[in-house]
Amino acid sequence: MGFWLEWGGAFFGIAGAALLSSNVRLSPYGWVLFLFSSLLMSSYAVLIQAWGLLALNACFVATNINGIIRCWLPFYLASRAETRHGAAQ
Protein backbone atom coordinates (compact mmCIF):
# COMPACT_ATOMS: atom_id res chain seq x y z
CA MET A 1 0.00 0.00 0.00
CA GLY A 2 2.82 2.38 0.81
CA PHE A 3 4.23 1.93 -2.68
CA TRP A 4 0.99 3.14 -4.30
CA LEU A 5 0.61 6.08 -1.93
CA GLU A 6 4.18 7.24 -2.49
CA TRP A 7 4.27 6.82 -6.25
CA GLY A 8 0.68 7.96 -6.76
CA GLY A 9 1.54 11.13 -4.86
CA ALA A 10 4.65 11.61 -6.96
CA PHE A 11 2.76 11.05 -10.22
CA PHE A 12 -0.08 13.45 -9.39
CA GLY A 13 2.39 16.07 -8.13
CA ILE A 14 4.42 15.93 -11.34
CA ALA A 15 1.27 15.97 -13.49
CA GLY A 16 -0.12 18.94 -11.53
CA ALA A 17 3.12 20.89 -11.90
CA ALA A 18 3.27 20.18 -15.63
CA LEU A 19 -0.34 21.21 -16.11
CA LEU A 20 -0.05 24.45 -14.14
CA SER A 21 3.22 25.46 -15.78
CA SER A 22 1.88 24.83 -19.28
CA ASN A 23 -0.50 27.80 -18.91
CA VAL A 24 -3.24 26.32 -21.09
CA ARG A 25 -7.01 26.27 -20.74
CA LEU A 26 -6.87 23.15 -18.54
CA SER A 27 -4.13 24.50 -16.26
CA PRO A 28 -6.45 25.23 -13.29
CA TYR A 29 -7.02 21.47 -12.99
CA GLY A 30 -3.39 21.28 -11.89
CA TRP A 31 -4.53 22.43 -8.44
CA VAL A 32 -6.81 19.42 -8.16
CA LEU A 33 -3.96 17.09 -9.14
CA PHE A 34 -1.73 18.81 -6.56
CA LEU A 35 -4.43 18.26 -3.94
CA PHE A 36 -4.62 14.54 -4.75
CA SER A 37 -0.83 14.39 -4.54
CA SER A 38 -0.74 16.06 -1.16
CA LEU A 39 -3.47 13.84 0.25
CA LEU A 40 -1.71 10.69 -0.96
CA MET A 41 1.63 11.87 0.40
CA SER A 42 0.00 12.79 3.72
CA SER A 43 -1.39 9.26 3.95
CA TYR A 44 2.02 7.86 3.12
CA ALA A 45 3.64 10.05 5.77
CA VAL A 46 1.24 8.70 8.42
CA LEU A 47 1.91 5.15 7.25
CA ILE A 48 5.68 5.50 7.66
CA GLN A 49 5.39 7.87 10.65
CA ALA A 50 7.28 10.69 8.91
CA TRP A 51 5.78 13.60 10.86
CA GLY A 52 7.82 16.27 9.13
CA LEU A 53 6.57 15.06 5.75
CA LEU A 54 3.03 15.06 7.13
CA ALA A 55 3.39 18.67 8.33
CA LEU A 56 4.73 19.73 4.94
CA ASN A 57 1.91 18.05 3.04
CA ALA A 58 -0.72 19.41 5.44
CA CYS A 59 0.51 22.89 4.45
CA PHE A 60 0.43 21.83 0.78
CA VAL A 61 -3.20 20.70 1.20
CA ALA A 62 -4.07 24.16 2.54
CA THR A 63 -2.29 25.97 -0.31
CA ASN A 64 -3.88 23.63 -2.88
CA ILE A 65 -7.34 24.38 -1.51
CA ASN A 66 -6.48 28.09 -1.66
CA GLY A 67 -5.41 27.67 -5.30
CA ILE A 68 -8.60 25.82 -6.16
CA ILE A 69 -10.74 28.50 -4.52
CA ARG A 70 -8.86 31.35 -6.20
CA CYS A 71 -9.08 29.69 -9.64
CA TRP A 72 -12.63 28.39 -9.54
CA LEU A 73 -14.54 30.81 -7.30
CA PRO A 74 -14.62 33.67 -9.85
CA PHE A 75 -16.02 31.29 -12.53
CA TYR A 76 -18.56 29.89 -10.10
CA LEU A 77 -19.72 33.32 -8.96
CA ALA A 78 -19.94 34.57 -12.54
CA SER A 79 -22.05 31.57 -13.58
CA ARG A 80 -24.34 32.07 -10.59
CA ALA A 81 -24.77 35.75 -11.43
CA GLU A 82 -25.63 34.90 -15.04
CA THR A 83 -28.14 32.30 -13.87
CA ARG A 84 -29.80 34.75 -11.47
CA HIS A 85 -29.73 37.56 -14.02
CA GLY A 86 -31.30 35.32 -16.66
CA ALA A 87 -33.99 34.12 -14.26
CA ALA A 88 -34.88 37.68 -13.21
CA GLN A 89 -35.76 38.71 -16.77
C-alpha atoms as a PDB file:
ATOM      1  CA  MET A   1       0.000   0.000   0.000  1.00  0.00           C
ATOM      2  CA  GLY A   2       2.820   2.383   0.814  1.00  0.00           C
ATOM      3  CA  PHE A   3       4.225   1.927  -2.678  1.00  0.00           C
ATOM      4  CA  TRP A   4       0.990   3.142  -4.301  1.00  0.00           C
ATOM      5  CA  LEU A   5       0.613   6.083  -1.930  1.00  0.00           C
ATOM      6  CA  GLU A   6       4.179   7.243  -2.487  1.00  0.00           C
ATOM      7  CA  TRP A   7       4.267   6.819  -6.254  1.00  0.00           C
ATOM      8  CA  GLY A   8       0.684   7.960  -6.763  1.00  0.00           C
ATOM      9  CA  GLY A   9       1.540  11.135  -4.860  1.00  0.00           C
ATOM     10  CA  ALA A  10       4.654  11.614  -6.963  1.00  0.00           C
ATOM     11  CA  PHE A  11       2.759  11.048 -10.219  1.00  0.00           C
ATOM     12  CA  PHE A  12      -0.083  13.448  -9.387  1.00  0.00           C
ATOM     13  CA  GLY A  13       2.388  16.067  -8.130  1.00  0.00           C
ATOM     14  CA  ILE A  14       4.415  15.932 -11.340  1.00  0.00           C
ATOM     15  CA  ALA A  15       1.273  15.974 -13.490  1.00  0.00           C
ATOM     16  CA  GLY A  16      -0.115  18.944 -11.531  1.00  0.00           C
ATOM     17  CA  ALA A  17       3.124  20.886 -11.898  1.00  0.00           C
ATOM     18  CA  ALA A  18       3.269  20.179 -15.631  1.00  0.00           C
ATOM     19  CA  LEU A  19      -0.340  21.212 -16.110  1.00  0.00           C
ATOM     20  CA  LEU A  20      -0.047  24.450 -14.144  1.00  0.00           C
ATOM     21  CA  SER A  21       3.216  25.457 -15.783  1.00  0.00           C
ATOM     22  CA  SER A  22       1.882  24.826 -19.284  1.00  0.00           C
ATOM     23  CA  ASN A  23      -0.497  27.798 -18.907  1.00  0.00           C
ATOM     24  CA  VAL A  24      -3.239  26.322 -21.085  1.00  0.00           C
ATOM     25  CA  ARG A  25      -7.011  26.270 -20.742  1.00  0.00           C
ATOM     26  CA  LEU A  26      -6.869  23.148 -18.539  1.00  0.00           C
ATOM     27  CA  SER A  27      -4.128  24.496 -16.255  1.00  0.00           C
ATOM     28  CA  PRO A  28      -6.452  25.230 -13.294  1.00  0.00           C
ATOM     29  CA  TYR A  29      -7.024  21.466 -12.990  1.00  0.00           C
ATOM     30  CA  GLY A  30      -3.394  21.276 -11.888  1.00  0.00           C
ATOM     31  CA  TRP A  31      -4.528  22.433  -8.442  1.00  0.00           C
ATOM     32  CA  VAL A  32      -6.814  19.418  -8.161  1.00  0.00           C
ATOM     33  CA  LEU A  33      -3.959  17.093  -9.142  1.00  0.00           C
ATOM     34  CA  PHE A  34      -1.731  18.807  -6.556  1.00  0.00           C
ATOM     35  CA  LEU A  35      -4.435  18.265  -3.937  1.00  0.00           C
ATOM     36  CA  PHE A  36      -4.620  14.539  -4.754  1.00  0.00           C
ATOM     37  CA  SER A  37      -0.830  14.392  -4.545  1.00  0.00           C
ATOM     38  CA  SER A  38      -0.737  16.065  -1.160  1.00  0.00           C
ATOM     39  CA  LEU A  39      -3.469  13.836   0.248  1.00  0.00           C
ATOM     40  CA  LEU A  40      -1.713  10.692  -0.962  1.00  0.00           C
ATOM     41  CA  MET A  41       1.634  11.868   0.397  1.00  0.00           C
ATOM     42  CA  SER A  42       0.000  12.791   3.719  1.00  0.00           C
ATOM     43  CA  SER A  43      -1.387   9.260   3.954  1.00  0.00           C
ATOM     44  CA  TYR A  44       2.025   7.860   3.115  1.00  0.00           C
ATOM     45  CA  ALA A  45       3.639  10.052   5.772  1.00  0.00           C
ATOM     46  CA  VAL A  46       1.244   8.705   8.422  1.00  0.00           C
ATOM     47  CA  LEU A  47       1.911   5.146   7.254  1.00  0.00           C
ATOM     48  CA  ILE A  48       5.684   5.504   7.659  1.00  0.00           C
ATOM     49  CA  GLN A  49       5.392   7.868  10.653  1.00  0.00           C
ATOM     50  CA  ALA A  50       7.279  10.693   8.907  1.00  0.00           C
ATOM     51  CA  TRP A  51       5.784  13.598  10.859  1.00  0.00           C
ATOM     52  CA  GLY A  52       7.821  16.274   9.126  1.00  0.00           C
ATOM     53  CA  LEU A  53       6.566  15.059   5.747  1.00  0.00           C
ATOM     54  CA  LEU A  54       3.028  15.063   7.135  1.00  0.00           C
ATOM     55  CA  ALA A  55       3.394  18.667   8.331  1.00  0.00           C
ATOM     56  CA  LEU A  56       4.733  19.734   4.937  1.00  0.00           C
ATOM     57  CA  ASN A  57       1.911  18.051   3.044  1.00  0.00           C
ATOM     58  CA  ALA A  58      -0.715  19.413   5.437  1.00  0.00           C
ATOM     59  CA  CYS A  59       0.513  22.885   4.446  1.00  0.00           C
ATOM     60  CA  PHE A  60       0.426  21.826   0.783  1.00  0.00           C
ATOM     61  CA  VAL A  61      -3.201  20.696   1.202  1.00  0.00           C
ATOM     62  CA  ALA A  62      -4.070  24.162   2.537  1.00  0.00           C
ATOM     63  CA  THR A  63      -2.287  25.965  -0.311  1.00  0.00           C
ATOM     64  CA  ASN A  64      -3.882  23.630  -2.879  1.00  0.00           C
ATOM     65  CA  ILE A  65      -7.335  24.376  -1.511  1.00  0.00           C
ATOM     66  CA  ASN A  66      -6.484  28.088  -1.661  1.00  0.00           C
ATOM     67  CA  GLY A  67      -5.409  27.675  -5.299  1.00  0.00           C
ATOM     68  CA  ILE A  68      -8.605  25.820  -6.159  1.00  0.00           C
ATOM     69  CA  ILE A  69     -10.739  28.499  -4.521  1.00  0.00           C
ATOM     70  CA  ARG A  70      -8.859  31.352  -6.196  1.00  0.00           C
ATOM     71  CA  CYS A  71      -9.075  29.692  -9.636  1.00  0.00           C
ATOM     72  CA  TRP A  72     -12.629  28.394  -9.539  1.00  0.00           C
ATOM     73  CA  LEU A  73     -14.535  30.805  -7.298  1.00  0.00           C
ATOM     74  CA  PRO A  74     -14.617  33.668  -9.855  1.00  0.00           C
ATOM     75  CA  PHE A  75     -16.018  31.291 -12.526  1.00  0.00           C
ATOM     76  CA  TYR A  76     -18.557  29.886 -10.097  1.00  0.00           C
ATOM     77  CA  LEU A  77     -19.720  33.317  -8.956  1.00  0.00           C
ATOM     78  CA  ALA A  78     -19.942  34.568 -12.543  1.00  0.00           C
ATOM     79  CA  SER A  79     -22.050  31.573 -13.579  1.00  0.00           C
ATOM     80  CA  ARG A  80     -24.339  32.067 -10.587  1.00  0.00           C
ATOM     81  CA  ALA A  81     -24.767  35.755 -11.427  1.00  0.00           C
ATOM     82  CA  GLU A  82     -25.627  34.896 -15.044  1.00  0.00           C
ATOM     83  CA  THR A  83     -28.142  32.300 -13.874  1.00  0.00           C
ATOM     84  CA  ARG A  84     -29.803  34.748 -11.465  1.00  0.00           C
ATOM     85  CA  HIS A  85     -29.727  37.560 -14.017  1.00  0.00           C
ATOM     86  CA  GLY A  86     -31.302  35.322 -16.660  1.00  0.00           C
ATOM     87  CA  ALA A  87     -33.991  34.116 -14.260  1.00  0.00           C
ATOM     88  CA  ALA A  88     -34.882  37.677 -13.214  1.00  0.00           C
ATOM     89  CA  GLN A  89     -35.763  38.708 -16.766  1.00  0.00           C
END
